[in-house]
């Protein structure tokens, strides 16, 4: 797989299941190796922190930095990499501002994280989330996400994560009305992909390419495969770039 072309942003989303692989070995370094082969600019992680206690990071932060990525500071406990298991990693030479935590309703505690990413090609808003297991919770969480987004100043936006919806035809209509929602492909279960649980939604962004990153290591590193999208930010009329078909 080739990296995103110059002038584009490659975003990856990956539920790493706290570093627990399909072989029942907890080895978050494998997840980082899978991500490194994608060469992303921005990464959204789900289940990035352990579940119990203060929810310490499941991934050594030093290893993240060695991979050329920087975790954005969404931690509220002093030991986590993210919030409600959601984390955002950014290439080391880019910057982020306007970090936000978005509370989501539901039977179990859920949340979303958001940031304004300053890229050489312009700014974009990135939102990462992991929706609930129950459809009624997911509907309430979608309403909360859309309500939060509608209050923000206009900015090219991408939202991605494990949306936990098995149906390809219903269940995410509220998000789909606000975003162009893409299912890059079947990303779960990693050993035998059956469901497109991991989705990417965009607004005012062109998607040049998206897909599921399936490798032998990826089939062992987590029960999800990572998904990715190559995004074109809007540019001036004489930029001369057009989305590929």
C-alpha atoms as a PDB file:
ATOM      1  CA  UNK A   1       0.000   0.000   0.000  1.00  0.00           C
ATOM      2  CA  UNK A   2       1.367   3.394  -0.962  1.00  0.00           C
ATOM      3  CA  UNK A   3       1.136   6.407   1.358  1.00  0.00           C
ATOM      4  CA  UNK A   4      -1.242   9.265   0.669  1.00  0.00           C
ATOM      5  CA  UNK A   5      -0.107  11.452  -2.203  1.00  0.00           C
ATOM      6  CA  UNK A   6       1.282  14.911  -1.588  1.00  0.00           C
ATOM      7  CA  UNK A   7      -1.546  17.361  -0.962  1.00  0.00           C
ATOM      8  CA  UNK A   8      -3.820  14.795   0.671  1.00  0.00           C
ATOM      9  CA  UNK A   9      -4.411  13.732   4.272  1.00  0.00           C
ATOM     10  CA  UNK A  10      -4.452  10.065   5.191  1.00  0.00           C
ATOM     11  CA  UNK A  11      -6.646   9.280   8.178  1.00  0.00           C
ATOM     12  CA  UNK A  12      -6.782   5.856   9.831  1.00  0.00           C
ATOM     13  CA  UNK A  13      -9.244   4.528  12.398  1.00  0.00           C
ATOM     14  CA  UNK A  14      -8.448   1.424  14.434  1.00  0.00           C
ATOM     15  CA  UNK A  15     -10.122  -0.355  17.338  1.00  0.00           C
ATOM     16  CA  UNK A  16      -7.068  -1.953  18.968  1.00  0.00           C
ATOM     17  CA  UNK A  17      -9.001  -3.814  21.711  1.00  0.00           C
ATOM     18  CA  UNK A  18      -6.516  -2.606  24.335  1.00  0.00           C
ATOM     19  CA  UNK A  19      -3.707  -4.347  22.464  1.00  0.00           C
ATOM     20  CA  UNK A  20      -5.269  -7.802  22.839  1.00  0.00           C
ATOM     21  CA  UNK A  21      -4.796  -9.869  19.709  1.00  0.00           C
ATOM     22  CA  UNK A  22      -6.920 -12.605  18.213  1.00  0.00           C
ATOM     23  CA  UNK A  23      -4.293 -15.055  19.532  1.00  0.00           C
ATOM     24  CA  UNK A  24      -5.106 -13.804  23.076  1.00  0.00           C
ATOM     25  CA  UNK A  25      -1.706 -12.128  23.387  1.00  0.00           C
ATOM     26  CA  UNK A  26      -1.632  -8.526  24.559  1.00  0.00           C
ATOM     27  CA  UNK A  27       0.977  -6.843  22.389  1.00  0.00           C
ATOM     28  CA  UNK A  28       0.162  -3.224  21.473  1.00  0.00           C
ATOM     29  CA  UNK A  29       3.439  -2.962  19.545  1.00  0.00           C
ATOM     30  CA  UNK A  30       1.821  -5.122  16.859  1.00  0.00           C
ATOM     31  CA  UNK A  31      -0.980  -2.568  16.502  1.00  0.00           C
ATOM     32  CA  UNK A  32       1.598   0.189  16.078  1.00  0.00           C
ATOM     33  CA  UNK A  33       3.385  -1.866  13.426  1.00  0.00           C
ATOM     34  CA  UNK A  34       0.113  -2.307  11.547  1.00  0.00           C
ATOM     35  CA  UNK A  35      -0.472   1.445  11.690  1.00  0.00           C
ATOM     36  CA  UNK A  36       3.088   2.195  10.588  1.00  0.00           C
ATOM     37  CA  UNK A  37       2.538   0.193   7.415  1.00  0.00           C
ATOM     38  CA  UNK A  38      -0.386   2.508   6.600  1.00  0.00           C
ATOM     39  CA  UNK A  39       1.782   5.636   7.009  1.00  0.00           C
ATOM     40  CA  UNK A  40      -1.115   7.770   8.298  1.00  0.00           C
ATOM     41  CA  UNK A  41      -1.118  11.482   9.048  1.00  0.00           C
ATOM     42  CA  UNK A  42      -3.915  11.263  11.623  1.00  0.00           C
ATOM     43  CA  UNK A  43      -5.004   8.201  13.607  1.00  0.00           C
ATOM     44  CA  UNK A  44      -8.177   7.657  15.617  1.00  0.00           C
ATOM     45  CA  UNK A  45      -7.973   4.792  18.109  1.00  0.00           C
ATOM     46  CA  UNK A  46     -10.732   3.063  20.009  1.00  0.00           C
ATOM     47  CA  UNK A  47     -10.165   0.958  23.153  1.00  0.00           C
ATOM     48  CA  UNK A  48      -6.793   2.639  23.550  1.00  0.00           C
ATOM     49  CA  UNK A  49      -6.922   2.504  27.352  1.00  0.00           C
ATOM     50  CA  UNK A  50      -7.413  -0.366  29.768  1.00  0.00           C
ATOM     51  CA  UNK A  51     -10.909  -0.695  31.184  1.00  0.00           C
ATOM     52  CA  UNK A  52     -10.360  -0.832  34.955  1.00  0.00           C
ATOM     53  CA  UNK A  53      -9.148   1.632  37.563  1.00  0.00           C
ATOM     54  CA  UNK A  54      -7.927   4.965  36.217  1.00  0.00           C
ATOM     55  CA  UNK A  55      -7.852   3.439  32.707  1.00  0.00           C
ATOM     56  CA  UNK A  56      -4.111   3.563  32.044  1.00  0.00           C
ATOM     57  CA  UNK A  57      -2.963   3.622  28.437  1.00  0.00           C
ATOM     58  CA  UNK A  58      -2.842   0.211  26.778  1.00  0.00           C
ATOM     59  CA  UNK A  59      -0.050   1.441  24.525  1.00  0.00           C
ATOM     60  CA  UNK A  60       3.383   2.644  25.724  1.00  0.00           C
ATOM     61  CA  UNK A  61       3.505   6.334  24.883  1.00  0.00           C
ATOM     62  CA  UNK A  62       7.221   6.097  24.088  1.00  0.00           C
ATOM     63  CA  UNK A  63       6.424   3.489  21.437  1.00  0.00           C
ATOM     64  CA  UNK A  64       3.832   5.800  19.875  1.00  0.00           C
ATOM     65  CA  UNK A  65       6.421   8.563  19.583  1.00  0.00           C
ATOM     66  CA  UNK A  66       8.989   6.139  18.172  1.00  0.00           C
ATOM     67  CA  UNK A  67       6.449   5.390  15.440  1.00  0.00           C
ATOM     68  CA  UNK A  68       6.561   9.078  14.458  1.00  0.00           C
ATOM     69  CA  UNK A  69       3.177   9.934  15.992  1.00  0.00           C
ATOM     70  CA  UNK A  70       2.164  12.149  18.888  1.00  0.00           C
ATOM     71  CA  UNK A  71      -0.856  11.438  21.122  1.00  0.00           C
ATOM     72  CA  UNK A  72      -3.023  14.508  21.591  1.00  0.00           C
ATOM     73  CA  UNK A  73      -3.734  15.418  25.202  1.00  0.00           C
ATOM     74  CA  UNK A  74      -7.299  14.257  25.836  1.00  0.00           C
ATOM     75  CA  UNK A  75      -6.334  12.484  29.082  1.00  0.00           C
ATOM     76  CA  UNK A  76      -8.190  13.506  32.238  1.00  0.00           C
ATOM     77  CA  UNK A  77      -6.767  10.892  34.612  1.00  0.00           C
ATOM     78  CA  UNK A  78      -3.034  11.438  34.253  1.00  0.00           C
ATOM     79  CA  UNK A  79      -2.401   7.885  33.025  1.00  0.00           C
ATOM     80  CA  UNK A  80      -4.654   7.423  29.972  1.00  0.00           C
ATOM     81  CA  UNK A  81      -3.825   8.086  26.345  1.00  0.00           C
ATOM     82  CA  UNK A  82      -7.360   9.222  25.518  1.00  0.00           C
ATOM     83  CA  UNK A  83     -10.868   9.617  26.896  1.00  0.00           C
ATOM     84  CA  UNK A  84     -13.476   6.859  27.104  1.00  0.00           C
ATOM     85  CA  UNK A  85     -10.906   4.777  25.235  1.00  0.00           C
ATOM     86  CA  UNK A  86     -10.817   7.191  22.274  1.00  0.00           C
ATOM     87  CA  UNK A  87      -7.389   8.547  21.366  1.00  0.00           C
ATOM     88  CA  UNK A  88      -6.052  10.687  18.544  1.00  0.00           C
ATOM     89  CA  UNK A  89      -2.514  10.453  17.187  1.00  0.00           C
ATOM     90  CA  UNK A  90      -0.952  13.012  14.889  1.00  0.00           C
ATOM     91  CA  UNK A  91       2.203  13.080  12.811  1.00  0.00           C
ATOM     92  CA  UNK A  92       4.907  14.879  14.756  1.00  0.00           C
ATOM     93  CA  UNK A  93       5.307  17.839  12.387  1.00  0.00           C
ATOM     94  CA  UNK A  94       1.618  18.831  12.413  1.00  0.00           C
ATOM     95  CA  UNK A  95      -0.236  20.703  15.152  1.00  0.00           C
ATOM     96  CA  UNK A  96      -3.675  20.518  16.729  1.00  0.00           C
ATOM     97  CA  UNK A  97      -5.808  23.090  18.525  1.00  0.00           C
ATOM     98  CA  UNK A  98      -9.330  23.322  19.954  1.00  0.00           C
ATOM     99  CA  UNK A  99      -9.294  19.899  21.615  1.00  0.00           C
ATOM    100  CA  UNK A 100     -12.771  18.961  22.858  1.00  0.00           C
ATOM    101  CA  UNK A 101     -14.505  16.194  24.794  1.00  0.00           C
ATOM    102  CA  UNK A 102     -18.047  15.346  23.705  1.00  0.00           C
ATOM    103  CA  UNK A 103     -20.266  13.574  26.257  1.00  0.00           C
ATOM    104  CA  UNK A 104     -22.505  10.938  24.710  1.00  0.00           C
ATOM    105  CA  UNK A 105     -25.637   9.499  26.369  1.00  0.00           C
ATOM    106  CA  UNK A 106     -26.409   5.811  26.634  1.00  0.00           C
ATOM    107  CA  UNK A 107     -26.622   2.767  28.861  1.00  0.00           C
ATOM    108  CA  UNK A 108     -22.824   2.577  29.200  1.00  0.00           C
ATOM    109  CA  UNK A 109     -20.355   5.475  29.452  1.00  0.00           C
ATOM    110  CA  UNK A 110     -19.332   6.685  25.994  1.00  0.00           C
ATOM    111  CA  UNK A 111     -17.758   9.791  24.554  1.00  0.00           C
ATOM    112  CA  UNK A 112     -16.118  11.359  21.547  1.00  0.00           C
ATOM    113  CA  UNK A 113     -13.041  13.511  21.058  1.00  0.00           C
ATOM    114  CA  UNK A 114     -12.468  16.300  18.551  1.00  0.00           C
ATOM    115  CA  UNK A 115      -9.645  18.549  17.426  1.00  0.00           C
ATOM    116  CA  UNK A 116      -8.824  21.116  14.784  1.00  0.00           C
ATOM    117  CA  UNK A 117      -5.838  19.806  12.831  1.00  0.00           C
ATOM    118  CA  UNK A 118      -3.572  22.287  11.078  1.00  0.00           C
ATOM    119  CA  UNK A 119      -2.156  20.658   7.953  1.00  0.00           C
ATOM    120  CA  UNK A 120       0.030  22.111   5.179  1.00  0.00           C
ATOM    121  CA  UNK A 121      -3.074  21.887   2.970  1.00  0.00           C
ATOM    122  CA  UNK A 122      -5.480  23.662   5.309  1.00  0.00           C
ATOM    123  CA  UNK A 123      -7.326  23.042   8.549  1.00  0.00           C
ATOM    124  CA  UNK A 124      -9.842  20.306   9.236  1.00  0.00           C
ATOM    125  CA  UNK A 125     -11.905  19.128  12.171  1.00  0.00           C
ATOM    126  CA  UNK A 126     -11.374  15.509  13.216  1.00  0.00           C
ATOM    127  CA  UNK A 127     -13.823  13.656  15.477  1.00  0.00           C
ATOM    128  CA  UNK A 128     -13.237  10.173  16.865  1.00  0.00           C
ATOM    129  CA  UNK A 129     -15.827   8.042  18.616  1.00  0.00           C
ATOM    130  CA  UNK A 130     -16.896   4.541  19.622  1.00  0.00           C
ATOM    131  CA  UNK A 131     -20.674   4.167  19.698  1.00  0.00           C
ATOM    132  CA  UNK A 132     -22.633   1.882  22.014  1.00  0.00           C
ATOM    133  CA  UNK A 133     -23.709  -1.707  21.593  1.00  0.00           C
ATOM    134  CA  UNK A 134     -27.449  -0.948  21.711  1.00  0.00           C
ATOM    135  CA  UNK A 135     -29.136   0.732  18.741  1.00  0.00           C
ATOM    136  CA  UNK A 136     -31.220   3.034  20.945  1.00  0.00           C
ATOM    137  CA  UNK A 137     -27.994   4.233  22.579  1.00  0.00           C
ATOM    138  CA  UNK A 138     -26.359   4.715  19.184  1.00  0.00           C
ATOM    139  CA  UNK A 139     -29.310   6.837  18.015  1.00  0.00           C
ATOM    140  CA  UNK A 140     -29.048   9.078  21.085  1.00  0.00           C
ATOM    141  CA  UNK A 141     -25.284   9.319  20.606  1.00  0.00           C
ATOM    142  CA  UNK A 142     -25.721  10.312  16.964  1.00  0.00           C
ATOM    143  CA  UNK A 143     -28.118  13.085  18.005  1.00  0.00           C
ATOM    144  CA  UNK A 144     -25.551  14.373  20.501  1.00  0.00           C
ATOM    145  CA  UNK A 145     -22.761  14.314  17.919  1.00  0.00           C
ATOM    146  CA  UNK A 146     -24.801  16.133  15.286  1.00  0.00           C
ATOM    147  CA  UNK A 147     -25.974  18.718  17.842  1.00  0.00           C
ATOM    148  CA  UNK A 148     -22.344  19.370  18.826  1.00  0.00           C
ATOM    149  CA  UNK A 149     -21.196  19.633  15.207  1.00  0.00           C
ATOM    150  CA  UNK A 150     -23.991  22.002  14.235  1.00  0.00           C
ATOM    151  CA  UNK A 151     -22.841  24.473  16.892  1.00  0.00           C
ATOM    152  CA  UNK A 152     -19.291  24.619  15.529  1.00  0.00           C
ATOM    153  CA  UNK A 153     -17.988  27.114  12.990  1.00  0.00           C
ATOM    154  CA  UNK A 154     -17.908  25.720   9.421  1.00  0.00           C
ATOM    155  CA  UNK A 155     -14.776  23.668   8.768  1.00  0.00           C
ATOM    156  CA  UNK A 156     -14.037  20.591   6.644  1.00  0.00           C
ATOM    157  CA  UNK A 157     -14.845  17.713   8.979  1.00  0.00           C
ATOM    158  CA  UNK A 158     -14.121  14.009   9.207  1.00  0.00           C
ATOM    159  CA  UNK A 159     -15.673  11.736  11.831  1.00  0.00           C
ATOM    160  CA  UNK A 160     -14.536   8.141  12.195  1.00  0.00           C
ATOM    161  CA  UNK A 161     -14.503   5.240  14.593  1.00  0.00           C
ATOM    162  CA  UNK A 162     -16.123   1.983  15.572  1.00  0.00           C
ATOM    163  CA  UNK A 163     -19.797   2.837  15.088  1.00  0.00           C
ATOM    164  CA  UNK A 164     -20.911  -0.666  16.118  1.00  0.00           C
ATOM    165  CA  UNK A 165     -23.667  -0.885  13.486  1.00  0.00           C
ATOM    166  CA  UNK A 166     -23.957  -4.270  11.794  1.00  0.00           C
ATOM    167  CA  UNK A 167     -26.572  -3.225   9.262  1.00  0.00           C
ATOM    168  CA  UNK A 168     -25.435  -1.719   6.000  1.00  0.00           C
ATOM    169  CA  UNK A 169     -28.843  -0.128   5.372  1.00  0.00           C
ATOM    170  CA  UNK A 170     -30.128   1.385   8.600  1.00  0.00           C
ATOM    171  CA  UNK A 171     -29.140   2.546  12.059  1.00  0.00           C
ATOM    172  CA  UNK A 172     -26.825   5.469  11.188  1.00  0.00           C
ATOM    173  CA  UNK A 173     -29.319   7.712   9.396  1.00  0.00           C
ATOM    174  CA  UNK A 174     -28.828  10.648  11.786  1.00  0.00           C
ATOM    175  CA  UNK A 175     -25.109  10.866  11.071  1.00  0.00           C
ATOM    176  CA  UNK A 176     -25.669  10.190   7.387  1.00  0.00           C
ATOM    177  CA  UNK A 177     -27.879  13.285   7.091  1.00  0.00           C
ATOM    178  CA  UNK A 178     -25.087  15.549   8.323  1.00  0.00           C
ATOM    179  CA  UNK A 179     -22.086  13.720   6.865  1.00  0.00           C
ATOM    180  CA  UNK A 180     -21.296  11.705   3.782  1.00  0.00           C
ATOM    181  CA  UNK A 181     -20.955   8.366   5.551  1.00  0.00           C
ATOM    182  CA  UNK A 182     -18.595   5.777   4.059  1.00  0.00           C
ATOM    183  CA  UNK A 183     -18.196   2.095   4.896  1.00  0.00           C
ATOM    184  CA  UNK A 184     -14.629   1.319   3.729  1.00  0.00           C
ATOM    185  CA  UNK A 185     -15.302  -2.423   3.946  1.00  0.00           C
ATOM    186  CA  UNK A 186     -15.637  -5.340   6.331  1.00  0.00           C
ATOM    187  CA  UNK A 187     -13.301  -4.720   9.243  1.00  0.00           C
ATOM    188  CA  UNK A 188     -14.644  -7.116  11.903  1.00  0.00           C
ATOM    189  CA  UNK A 189     -13.803  -9.844  12.842  1.00  0.00           C
ATOM    190  CA  UNK A 190     -10.157  -9.488  11.827  1.00  0.00           C
ATOM    191  CA  UNK A 191      -9.682 -13.219  11.203  1.00  0.00           C
ATOM    192  CA  UNK A 192     -12.845 -13.505   9.132  1.00  0.00           C
ATOM    193  CA  UNK A 193     -14.229 -10.039   8.304  1.00  0.00           C
ATOM    194  CA  UNK A 194     -18.038 -10.097   8.272  1.00  0.00           C
ATOM    195  CA  UNK A 195     -19.188  -6.608   9.271  1.00  0.00           C
ATOM    196  CA  UNK A 196     -18.337  -3.012   8.380  1.00  0.00           C
ATOM    197  CA  UNK A 197     -18.422  -1.741  11.957  1.00  0.00           C
ATOM    198  CA  UNK A 198     -15.756   0.899  11.359  1.00  0.00           C
ATOM    199  CA  UNK A 199     -17.021   3.879   9.339  1.00  0.00           C
ATOM    200  CA  UNK A 200     -15.744   7.235   8.130  1.00  0.00           C
ATOM    201  CA  UNK A 201     -17.957  10.284   7.603  1.00  0.00           C
ATOM    202  CA  UNK A 202     -16.935  13.498   5.841  1.00  0.00           C
ATOM    203  CA  UNK A 203     -18.328  16.964   5.260  1.00  0.00           C
ATOM    204  CA  UNK A 204     -16.803  19.433   2.784  1.00  0.00           C
ATOM    205  CA  UNK A 205     -14.039  16.933   2.049  1.00  0.00           C
ATOM    206  CA  UNK A 206     -13.401  14.819  -1.036  1.00  0.00           C
ATOM    207  CA  UNK A 207     -12.560  11.169  -0.377  1.00  0.00           C
ATOM    208  CA  UNK A 208      -9.946  10.135  -2.895  1.00  0.00           C
ATOM    209  CA  UNK A 209      -9.751   6.564  -1.637  1.00  0.00           C
ATOM    210  CA  UNK A 210     -10.828   4.547   1.386  1.00  0.00           C
ATOM    211  CA  UNK A 211     -10.526   0.931   2.392  1.00  0.00           C
ATOM    212  CA  UNK A 212      -9.711  -1.732   4.943  1.00  0.00           C
ATOM    213  CA  UNK A 213      -6.022  -2.387   5.637  1.00  0.00           C
ATOM    214  CA  UNK A 214      -5.766  -6.173   5.844  1.00  0.00           C
ATOM    215  CA  UNK A 215      -2.384  -7.793   6.490  1.00  0.00           C
ATOM    216  CA  UNK A 216      -1.280 -11.058   8.168  1.00  0.00           C
ATOM    217  CA  UNK A 217      -0.120  -9.088  11.222  1.00  0.00           C
ATOM    218  CA  UNK A 218      -3.345  -7.099  11.286  1.00  0.00           C
ATOM    219  CA  UNK A 219      -5.367 -10.309  11.479  1.00  0.00           C
ATOM    220  CA  UNK A 220      -3.545 -11.135  14.723  1.00  0.00           C
ATOM    221  CA  UNK A 221      -3.013  -7.724  16.335  1.00  0.00           C
ATOM    222  CA  UNK A 222      -6.679  -6.929  17.188  1.00  0.00           C
ATOM    223  CA  UNK A 223     -10.166  -8.232  16.513  1.00  0.00           C
ATOM    224  CA  UNK A 224     -10.722  -5.244  14.182  1.00  0.00           C
ATOM    225  CA  UNK A 225      -8.808  -4.312  11.053  1.00  0.00           C
ATOM    226  CA  UNK A 226      -7.925  -0.640  10.595  1.00  0.00           C
ATOM    227  CA  UNK A 227      -9.765   1.429   8.010  1.00  0.00           C
ATOM    228  CA  UNK A 228      -8.359   4.436   6.203  1.00  0.00           C
ATOM    229  CA  UNK A 229      -9.320   7.319   3.937  1.00  0.00           C
ATOM    230  CA  UNK A 230      -7.244   9.607   1.747  1.00  0.00           C
ATOM    231  CA  UNK A 231      -8.856  13.034   1.939  1.00  0.00           C
ATOM    232  CA  UNK A 232      -8.616  16.129  -0.256  1.00  0.00           C
ATOM    233  CA  UNK A 233      -9.097  19.415   1.547  1.00  0.00           C
ATOM    234  CA  UNK A 234     -10.840  22.188  -0.388  1.00  0.00           C
ATOM    235  CA  UNK A 235      -8.377  24.517  -2.064  1.00  0.00           C
ATOM    236  CA  UNK A 236      -8.484  27.685  -4.183  1.00  0.00           C
ATOM    237  CA  UNK A 237     -10.166  27.346  -7.619  1.00  0.00           C
ATOM    238  CA  UNK A 238      -6.840  27.268  -9.460  1.00  0.00           C
ATOM    239  CA  UNK A 239      -5.449  24.460  -7.324  1.00  0.00           C
ATOM    240  CA  UNK A 240      -6.041  22.024 -10.196  1.00  0.00           C
ATOM    241  CA  UNK A 241      -6.702  18.966  -8.026  1.00  0.00           C
ATOM    242  CA  UNK A 242      -9.771  16.810  -8.534  1.00  0.00           C
ATOM    243  CA  UNK A 243     -10.873  13.649  -6.727  1.00  0.00           C
ATOM    244  CA  UNK A 244     -10.057  10.444  -8.553  1.00  0.00           C
ATOM    245  CA  UNK A 245     -12.847   8.089  -9.518  1.00  0.00           C
END
